[in-house]
Amino acid sequence: MGKPSPRLGVSDDALSLHSQPGENSHVVSLDGTLDTDAPELNIDDLPPLYDEINAPGNSSSAPLLPVASGPGSGAPPYIRNPNNILPPGEWVKEYKKDSVDGVEMYLDHRLDNDPKYLQKHIELWAKQPPRAFVRIHGTHKRRRDITDPQNGRRKNDSERVTDFDLSIELTPYLYSDVVSQTSLMELRTAENDEKVRRGTVLRKRAPGASRHIEVGLAEKPTLAEWCHRYCASHAGLKCFTFQRRVVGFDDEKVVKKLTELVRATNYRGSLEISFPKKDEYVYVYNDCKTNRWRTTWWITWICMFTLMFIFTWPYLFFRTKRFETVFADWHYSVMNADGTRRYASISEDQLYNMWGRAIHRAVMEKRQCTLDQQDLLNSQEGQQETFGHPVVDGAASFVRAGVNAMNAVNRSLGWGYDEF
């Protein structure tokens, strides 16, 4: 299971992420001209969105099963179960998900006592890719005058204003073929010389492993063995942590290229480029009152407001035995034996060339959104929306001309300054 899966046969209408240079491919440079040094990418062969991949109406032969969700979480997400390793009636019912960082939490006695049941769930969770994004966030400080309500005096204060906040999802590019679900995902366990929590409170290496060289020929525990160890643990509080993560992605290269792209617009504000949700976690807590309390939102808030977390946090930290030994590595790229990289779909250069113009356009329009396929098409085709009415179309053209003039001034004189 740890090796890359071979490419499966797909129908003629399957959509592949592998593209060849074509007449419609565009490569972006900082001045808006074509960059012939970077690899080209065919814009006509766009990957589907994550929601389209996992939509219930997808016509792929692999069945879709709903994941039980907690109260108020809306419609349950759908994930693929190609091997039918769990029938729908055996799904875990206790399920909570943090809407901010995407952490999933499960409490079910079957996951605590049946190692095979736990292993089957982990194998199924591993088939869900992490919802990784590239976020481009620009802000600047603005001075404001406020009146003190107590004495009526006016004083100066500053606030941070968002100039643009753009996101691009990386999930589609983790698949070699999205229809057949072919990817470079590897479900693995921790190496003996890795410092992780092995049913302990603190991180440590496996017994018999030194810092530089592993002593002895003992093999690392398998997934089945770690599931058995977790279920056999007699700890009063225990947690099995499963981690999905994106590996093989050159963050520094993408940050450098996007920084140059945004600064080329003469933007002078604070720029932050981050990669949210590259790591996603699934927590399996043993079913007991303490763990149910720690995962109840109103009890958590009471502890925060009453400052009880000063006592509860150390107690939970030192009492909980954690197993952080299983990972689903979704490889964006892997290193070949000859030193070259093999990508699951497209390289970082191709990703930049695909989205460069759309990002440049969205930055100048000061948008706050997640860019999608329509933004790609608009940036490549350069077509403007018309309404079929001469008066409305004329007004729209006049507004666009004004926006273009403002953008030209911003590029010349700079924009996004801190105002003091």
Protein backbone atom coordinates (compact mmCIF):
# COMPACT_ATOMS: atom_id res chain seq x y z
CA MET A 1 0.00 0.00 0.00
CA GLY A 2 2.97 2.28 0.53
CA LYS A 3 4.01 2.15 -3.14
CA PRO A 4 2.52 4.44 -5.79
CA SER A 5 -0.47 2.86 -7.45
CA PRO A 6 -0.20 2.08 -11.16
CA ARG A 7 -2.35 4.08 -13.52
CA LEU A 8 -5.73 2.47 -13.93
CA GLY A 9 -7.68 2.21 -17.14
CA VAL A 10 -10.27 4.93 -17.53
CA SER A 11 -12.98 5.79 -20.00
CA ASP A 12 -12.52 8.06 -22.97
CA ASP A 13 -14.10 10.99 -21.18
CA ALA A 14 -11.73 10.76 -18.19
CA LEU A 15 -10.04 14.00 -17.34
CA SER A 16 -6.27 13.77 -16.89
CA LEU A 17 -3.96 16.26 -15.23
CA HIS A 18 -1.09 15.34 -17.52
CA SER A 19 -0.93 18.01 -20.20
CA GLN A 20 1.21 18.77 -23.19
CA PRO A 21 2.16 22.18 -24.56
CA GLY A 22 -0.48 23.40 -26.95
CA GLU A 23 -1.35 26.41 -28.94
CA ASN A 24 -3.54 27.74 -26.15
CA SER A 25 -0.97 27.38 -23.39
CA HIS A 26 0.20 30.54 -21.66
CA VAL A 27 3.26 31.08 -19.52
CA VAL A 28 3.36 34.15 -17.29
CA SER A 29 6.29 36.36 -16.49
CA LEU A 30 6.37 39.33 -14.16
CA ASP A 31 5.94 41.93 -16.86
CA GLY A 32 2.93 40.16 -18.36
CA THR A 33 4.80 38.65 -21.30
CA LEU A 34 5.34 35.00 -22.06
CA ASP A 35 8.03 33.21 -20.09
CA THR A 36 9.69 30.73 -22.44
CA ASP A 37 12.09 29.36 -19.83
CA ALA A 38 9.43 27.69 -17.69
CA PRO A 39 7.45 24.59 -18.74
CA GLU A 40 4.22 25.26 -20.58
CA LEU A 41 0.83 23.94 -19.59
CA ASN A 42 -2.29 23.46 -21.65
CA ILE A 43 -5.05 25.54 -20.17
CA ASP A 44 -7.67 23.53 -22.06
CA ASP A 45 -7.04 20.54 -19.78
CA LEU A 46 -8.17 21.91 -16.42
CA PRO A 47 -8.53 19.67 -13.37
CA PRO A 48 -11.95 19.47 -11.74
CA LEU A 49 -12.59 21.04 -8.38
CA TYR A 50 -12.42 18.99 -5.20
CA ASP A 51 -16.18 19.21 -4.75
CA GLU A 52 -16.63 17.82 -8.26
CA ILE A 53 -14.28 14.95 -7.51
CA ASN A 54 -16.24 13.88 -4.46
CA ALA A 55 -19.72 14.90 -5.51
CA PRO A 56 -22.46 12.28 -5.02
CA GLY A 57 -23.38 12.51 -8.70
CA ASN A 58 -19.92 11.56 -9.93
CA SER A 59 -20.21 8.81 -12.53
CA SER A 60 -17.08 6.95 -11.52
CA SER A 61 -17.44 3.23 -10.94
CA ALA A 62 -16.13 3.52 -7.37
CA PRO A 63 -19.02 3.74 -4.87
CA LEU A 64 -19.44 6.73 -2.61
CA LEU A 65 -20.13 6.46 1.09
CA PRO A 66 -21.19 9.31 3.41
CA VAL A 67 -19.13 10.13 6.47
CA ALA A 68 -21.26 10.60 9.56
CA SER A 69 -21.02 14.20 10.73
CA GLY A 70 -21.77 15.93 13.98
CA PRO A 71 -24.79 18.08 14.76
CA GLY A 72 -25.01 21.29 12.80
CA SER A 73 -22.27 20.33 10.35
CA GLY A 74 -24.58 20.33 7.33
CA ALA A 75 -24.55 17.75 4.60
CA PRO A 76 -22.00 14.98 5.17
CA PRO A 77 -18.97 14.88 2.88
CA TYR A 78 -18.50 11.98 0.52
CA ILE A 79 -15.40 9.89 0.11
CA ARG A 80 -14.53 6.99 -2.12
CA ASN A 81 -14.43 3.40 -0.95
CA PRO A 82 -13.06 1.48 -3.96
CA ASN A 83 -12.40 -1.72 -2.04
CA ASN A 84 -15.68 -1.71 -0.08
CA ILE A 85 -13.70 -2.24 3.13
CA LEU A 86 -16.62 -1.03 5.28
CA PRO A 87 -20.36 -1.37 4.62
CA PRO A 88 -22.42 1.79 5.28
CA GLY A 89 -23.96 0.40 8.47
CA GLU A 90 -20.60 0.08 10.23
CA TRP A 91 -19.56 3.72 10.09
CA VAL A 92 -18.59 5.54 13.25
CA LYS A 93 -21.47 7.74 14.39
CA GLU A 94 -19.64 10.02 16.84
CA TYR A 95 -17.91 12.53 14.61
CA LYS A 96 -16.92 16.17 15.11
CA LYS A 97 -14.95 18.45 12.84
CA ASP A 98 -13.41 21.82 13.54
CA SER A 99 -14.49 24.21 10.79
CA VAL A 100 -11.35 26.35 11.18
CA ASP A 101 -8.42 23.91 11.05
CA GLY A 102 -10.31 20.84 9.78
CA VAL A 103 -9.43 18.60 12.75
CA GLU A 104 -11.67 15.51 12.94
CA MET A 105 -12.46 13.87 16.29
CA TYR A 106 -13.99 10.44 16.84
CA LEU A 107 -15.25 8.81 20.03
CA ASP A 108 -16.51 5.26 19.60
CA HIS A 109 -15.87 2.21 21.81
CA ARG A 110 -15.40 0.02 18.73
CA LEU A 111 -12.36 2.05 17.70
CA ASP A 112 -10.90 1.50 21.19
CA ASN A 113 -11.45 -2.26 21.37
CA ASP A 114 -11.37 -3.65 17.82
CA PRO A 115 -7.98 -3.13 16.12
CA LYS A 116 -9.24 -4.42 12.76
CA TYR A 117 -12.14 -1.98 12.87
CA LEU A 118 -9.73 0.87 13.64
CA GLN A 119 -7.36 -0.21 10.86
CA LYS A 120 -10.15 -0.27 8.27
CA HIS A 121 -11.18 3.26 9.23
CA ILE A 122 -7.60 4.51 8.97
CA GLU A 123 -7.24 2.97 5.52
CA LEU A 124 -10.44 4.71 4.47
CA TRP A 125 -9.45 8.06 6.00
CA ALA A 126 -6.17 7.86 4.11
CA LYS A 127 -8.05 7.92 0.80
CA GLN A 128 -9.29 11.44 1.55
CA PRO A 129 -6.74 14.02 0.34
CA PRO A 130 -5.87 17.01 2.52
CA ARG A 131 -7.60 20.22 1.47
CA ALA A 132 -4.37 22.15 0.96
CA PHE A 133 -4.38 25.78 -0.24
CA VAL A 134 -1.98 28.51 -1.27
CA ARG A 135 -3.06 31.76 0.39
CA ILE A 136 -1.90 35.20 -0.77
CA HIS A 137 -2.81 37.86 1.79
CA GLY A 138 -1.98 41.55 1.50
CA THR A 139 -2.70 44.11 4.22
CA HIS A 140 -1.71 47.62 5.25
CA LYS A 141 -2.24 49.83 8.29
CA ARG A 142 -4.65 52.74 8.15
CA ARG A 143 -4.93 55.57 10.64
CA ARG A 144 -8.31 56.46 12.05
CA ASP A 145 -9.55 59.07 14.48
CA ILE A 146 -11.77 57.80 17.25
CA THR A 147 -13.57 59.56 20.08
CA ASP A 148 -13.09 58.34 23.62
CA PRO A 149 -16.63 57.71 24.99
CA GLN A 150 -15.53 58.58 28.55
CA ASN A 151 -14.02 62.02 28.12
CA GLY A 152 -15.01 62.88 24.56
CA ARG A 153 -11.43 63.43 23.44
CA ARG A 154 -10.32 62.42 19.99
CA LYS A 155 -7.28 60.25 19.58
CA ASN A 156 -5.47 58.53 16.77
CA ASP A 157 -5.57 54.79 16.32
CA SER A 158 -4.64 52.39 13.56
CA GLU A 159 -6.35 49.40 12.05
CA ARG A 160 -5.18 46.76 9.61
CA VAL A 161 -6.99 46.78 6.28
CA THR A 162 -7.07 43.80 3.92
CA ASP A 163 -6.09 44.75 0.37
CA PHE A 164 -6.57 41.27 -1.10
CA ASP A 165 -6.98 37.75 0.22
CA LEU A 166 -6.69 35.04 -2.42
CA SER A 167 -6.55 31.27 -2.17
CA ILE A 168 -5.80 28.51 -4.66
CA GLU A 169 -6.59 24.90 -3.85
CA LEU A 170 -3.83 22.33 -4.37
CA THR A 171 -6.01 19.24 -3.89
CA PRO A 172 -6.68 18.52 -7.61
CA TYR A 173 -2.94 18.44 -8.31
CA LEU A 174 -2.35 15.60 -5.85
CA TYR A 175 -3.97 13.19 -8.30
CA SER A 176 -2.35 11.73 -11.38
CA ASP A 177 -5.84 10.96 -12.63
CA VAL A 178 -8.79 12.28 -10.66
CA VAL A 179 -11.40 9.95 -12.17
CA SER A 180 -9.60 6.72 -11.37
CA GLN A 181 -8.31 8.22 -8.09
CA THR A 182 -4.70 7.52 -9.06
CA SER A 183 -2.20 9.33 -6.86
CA LEU A 184 1.16 9.02 -5.14
CA MET A 185 -0.40 8.62 -1.71
CA GLU A 186 1.59 6.47 0.74
CA LEU A 187 0.13 5.16 3.98
CA ARG A 188 3.07 4.57 6.28
CA THR A 189 4.06 4.24 9.92
CA ALA A 190 6.76 6.09 11.82
CA GLU A 191 10.34 4.98 11.40
CA ASN A 192 12.17 3.70 14.46
CA ASP A 193 14.47 6.73 14.52
CA GLU A 194 11.64 9.29 14.24
CA LYS A 195 10.77 11.21 17.40
CA VAL A 196 7.02 10.73 17.80
CA ARG A 197 4.64 9.87 20.59
CA ARG A 198 4.48 6.08 20.79
CA GLY A 199 1.76 5.67 23.36
CA THR A 200 3.60 8.22 25.50
CA VAL A 201 3.23 11.82 26.62
CA LEU A 202 6.51 13.05 25.13
CA ARG A 203 8.02 12.34 21.73
CA LYS A 204 10.75 9.73 21.61
CA ARG A 205 12.47 7.25 19.32
CA ALA A 206 11.84 3.54 19.36
CA PRO A 207 13.83 1.52 21.93
CA GLY A 208 17.21 0.57 20.48
CA ALA A 209 17.37 3.44 17.99
CA SER A 210 20.05 6.12 18.33
CA ARG A 211 20.14 9.61 16.87
CA HIS A 212 22.27 8.79 13.83
CA ILE A 213 22.12 5.05 13.30
CA GLU A 214 19.57 2.45 14.17
CA VAL A 215 20.89 -0.31 16.41
CA GLY A 216 19.81 -3.82 15.51
CA LEU A 217 17.70 -5.11 12.64
CA ALA A 218 14.25 -4.77 14.20
CA GLU A 219 11.64 -3.68 11.68
CA LYS A 220 9.30 -0.83 12.41
CA PRO A 221 5.78 -1.75 13.60
CA THR A 222 3.11 -2.02 10.90
CA LEU A 223 -0.25 -0.30 10.88
CA ALA A 224 -1.95 -3.42 12.20
CA GLU A 225 0.53 -3.64 15.07
CA TRP A 226 0.04 0.01 16.08
CA CYS A 227 -3.73 -0.52 16.06
CA HIS A 228 -3.27 -3.54 18.33
CA ARG A 229 -1.01 -1.53 20.67
CA TYR A 230 -3.54 1.28 20.92
CA CYS A 231 -6.47 -1.03 21.64
CA ALA A 232 -4.40 -3.02 24.16
CA SER A 233 -3.31 0.08 26.06
CA HIS A 234 -4.79 0.33 29.56
CA ALA A 235 -4.33 4.12 29.76
CA GLY A 236 -7.31 5.94 31.22
CA LEU A 237 -6.99 8.67 28.57
CA LYS A 238 -5.52 7.82 25.19
CA CYS A 239 -5.64 9.25 21.69
CA PHE A 240 -4.71 7.75 18.33
CA THR A 241 -3.64 10.50 15.93
CA PHE A 242 -3.76 9.99 12.18
CA GLN A 243 -2.16 12.67 10.00
CA ARG A 244 -2.79 13.50 6.34
CA ARG A 245 -0.13 15.76 4.83
CA VAL A 246 1.19 17.09 1.54
CA VAL A 247 4.85 16.26 0.93
CA GLY A 248 7.21 16.89 -1.97
CA PHE A 249 5.93 20.45 -2.57
CA ASP A 250 8.55 23.20 -2.90
CA ASP A 251 7.09 25.92 -0.69
CA GLU A 252 10.08 28.22 -1.04
CA LYS A 253 9.98 28.27 -4.83
CA VAL A 254 6.26 29.08 -4.93
CA VAL A 255 6.62 31.78 -2.24
CA LYS A 256 9.46 33.40 -4.17
CA LYS A 257 7.61 33.42 -7.49
CA LEU A 258 4.35 34.72 -6.02
CA THR A 259 6.15 37.39 -4.02
CA GLU A 260 7.85 38.65 -7.17
CA LEU A 261 4.55 38.56 -9.02
CA VAL A 262 2.71 40.65 -6.42
CA ARG A 263 5.59 43.08 -5.86
CA ALA A 264 5.77 43.62 -9.62
CA THR A 265 2.42 45.40 -9.31
CA ASN A 266 4.26 47.94 -7.13
CA TYR A 267 2.39 46.80 -4.05
CA ARG A 268 3.98 48.29 -0.91
CA GLY A 269 1.89 46.70 1.84
CA SER A 270 2.51 43.69 4.06
CA LEU A 271 2.42 40.46 2.05
CA GLU A 272 1.97 36.99 3.56
CA ILE A 273 1.99 33.78 1.51
CA SER A 274 1.04 30.68 3.48
CA PHE A 275 -0.12 27.12 2.90
CA PRO A 276 -3.13 26.39 5.11
CA LYS A 277 -4.26 22.83 5.77
CA LYS A 278 -1.22 21.12 4.29
CA ASP A 279 -1.46 18.95 7.38
CA GLU A 280 -4.80 17.56 8.55
CA TYR A 281 -5.37 15.52 11.71
CA VAL A 282 -7.83 12.85 12.76
CA TYR A 283 -8.06 12.23 16.52
CA VAL A 284 -9.51 8.98 17.87
CA TYR A 285 -10.18 9.40 21.61
CA ASN A 286 -11.11 6.51 23.82
CA ASP A 287 -14.75 6.67 24.85
CA CYS A 288 -14.93 8.05 28.41
CA LYS A 289 -16.51 10.98 30.24
CA THR A 290 -13.32 13.05 30.37
CA ASN A 291 -12.79 12.86 26.62
CA ARG A 292 -16.43 13.66 25.97
CA TRP A 293 -16.09 16.74 28.17
CA ARG A 294 -12.89 17.87 26.47
CA THR A 295 -14.61 17.70 23.05
CA THR A 296 -17.76 19.57 24.18
CA TRP A 297 -17.55 23.16 23.02
CA TRP A 298 -19.47 24.81 25.89
CA ILE A 299 -17.36 23.04 28.53
CA THR A 300 -14.25 24.21 26.72
CA TRP A 301 -15.47 27.81 26.74
CA ILE A 302 -16.34 27.64 30.44
CA CYS A 303 -12.79 26.50 31.16
CA MET A 304 -11.46 29.41 29.11
CA PHE A 305 -13.62 32.12 30.70
CA THR A 306 -13.12 30.86 34.27
CA LEU A 307 -9.38 30.30 33.72
CA MET A 308 -9.81 26.67 34.68
CA PHE A 309 -7.64 25.71 31.71
CA ILE A 310 -4.66 26.59 33.92
CA PHE A 311 -5.39 23.37 35.79
CA THR A 312 -7.24 21.27 33.17
CA TRP A 313 -4.68 21.66 30.39
CA PRO A 314 -1.69 20.25 32.35
CA TYR A 315 -3.89 17.43 33.66
CA LEU A 316 -5.05 16.43 30.17
CA PHE A 317 -1.58 16.83 28.69
CA PHE A 318 0.20 14.55 31.15
CA ARG A 319 -2.66 12.08 31.51
CA THR A 320 -3.28 11.44 27.79
CA LYS A 321 -1.15 8.77 26.14
CA ARG A 322 -0.87 9.58 22.46
CA PHE A 323 -0.12 7.40 19.44
CA GLU A 324 1.14 9.64 16.61
CA THR A 325 2.68 6.96 14.43
CA VAL A 326 0.55 6.70 11.26
CA PHE A 327 0.72 9.10 8.31
CA ALA A 328 -0.92 9.39 4.90
CA ASP A 329 1.71 11.14 2.77
CA TRP A 330 0.13 12.65 -0.32
CA HIS A 331 3.18 13.18 -2.51
CA TYR A 332 3.08 16.21 -4.76
CA SER A 333 6.32 14.83 -6.17
CA VAL A 334 8.76 12.03 -5.47
CA MET A 335 12.50 11.80 -6.11
CA ASN A 336 13.59 9.28 -8.71
CA ALA A 337 16.75 7.20 -8.42
CA ASP A 338 18.51 9.41 -10.98
CA GLY A 339 17.86 12.56 -8.93
CA THR A 340 14.97 13.87 -11.02
CA ARG A 341 11.52 14.55 -9.68
CA ARG A 342 8.36 12.75 -10.73
CA TYR A 343 5.24 14.80 -10.16
CA ALA A 344 1.77 13.49 -9.45
CA SER A 345 0.33 15.97 -11.96
CA ILE A 346 2.12 19.29 -12.58
CA SER A 347 5.27 20.93 -11.30
CA GLU A 348 5.49 24.09 -9.21
CA ASP A 349 6.55 26.05 -12.32
CA GLN A 350 3.54 24.80 -14.24
CA LEU A 351 1.28 25.62 -11.32
CA TYR A 352 2.63 29.18 -11.29
CA ASN A 353 2.29 29.49 -15.06
CA MET A 354 -1.30 28.27 -14.91
CA TRP A 355 -2.43 30.66 -12.17
CA GLY A 356 -0.05 33.61 -12.62
CA ARG A 357 -2.29 35.81 -14.74
CA ALA A 358 -5.39 35.01 -12.70
CA ILE A 359 -3.54 35.94 -9.49
CA HIS A 360 -2.19 39.15 -11.01
CA ARG A 361 -5.65 40.14 -12.14
CA ALA A 362 -7.26 39.29 -8.79
CA VAL A 363 -4.59 41.24 -6.87
CA MET A 364 -5.18 44.35 -8.94
CA GLU A 365 -8.94 43.96 -8.44
CA LYS A 366 -8.38 43.62 -4.66
CA ARG A 367 -10.48 40.51 -4.42
CA GLN A 368 -11.01 38.30 -1.36
CA CYS A 369 -11.96 34.84 -2.54
CA THR A 370 -10.80 31.40 -3.63
CA LEU A 371 -9.93 31.43 -7.31
CA ASP A 372 -11.58 28.77 -9.44
CA GLN A 373 -11.69 27.52 -13.03
CA GLN A 374 -13.69 30.48 -14.25
CA ASP A 375 -10.94 32.81 -13.09
CA LEU A 376 -8.46 30.74 -15.09
CA LEU A 377 -10.58 30.94 -18.22
CA ASN A 378 -11.19 34.67 -17.81
CA SER A 379 -7.50 35.40 -17.33
CA GLN A 380 -6.49 33.35 -20.37
CA GLU A 381 -9.20 34.40 -22.78
CA GLY A 382 -9.32 38.04 -21.70
CA GLN A 383 -13.04 38.22 -22.45
CA GLN A 384 -15.33 40.58 -20.60
CA GLU A 385 -18.92 39.83 -19.66
CA THR A 386 -21.63 41.55 -21.73
CA PHE A 387 -25.31 41.92 -20.93
CA GLY A 388 -26.78 42.23 -24.42
CA HIS A 389 -27.97 45.79 -23.87
CA PRO A 390 -26.14 48.72 -25.52
CA VAL A 391 -26.65 51.15 -22.61
CA VAL A 392 -25.59 48.64 -19.94
CA ASP A 393 -22.69 47.35 -22.01
CA GLY A 394 -21.53 50.91 -22.64
CA ALA A 395 -21.62 51.68 -18.92
CA ALA A 396 -19.73 48.47 -18.14
CA SER A 397 -17.06 49.39 -20.67
CA PHE A 398 -16.75 52.84 -19.12
CA VAL A 399 -16.32 51.34 -15.63
CA ARG A 400 -13.72 48.85 -16.89
CA ALA A 401 -11.79 51.69 -18.51
CA GLY A 402 -11.78 53.56 -15.21
CA VAL A 403 -10.60 50.48 -13.31
CA ASN A 404 -7.83 49.89 -15.83
CA ALA A 405 -6.70 53.50 -15.47
CA MET A 406 -6.59 53.19 -11.68
CA ASN A 407 -4.58 49.99 -11.94
CA ALA A 408 -2.11 51.67 -14.27
CA VAL A 409 -1.62 54.48 -11.76
CA ASN A 410 -1.14 52.00 -8.91
CA ARG A 411 1.51 50.13 -10.88
CA SER A 412 3.32 53.37 -11.60
CA LEU A 413 3.15 55.11 -8.24
CA GLY A 414 2.70 52.17 -5.87
CA TRP A 415 -0.23 51.19 -3.67
CA GLY A 416 -0.95 49.52 -0.36
CA TYR A 417 1.16 51.94 1.71
CA ASP A 418 0.80 52.08 5.47
CA GLU A 419 -1.10 55.27 6.32
CA PHE A 420 0.10 57.09 9.44
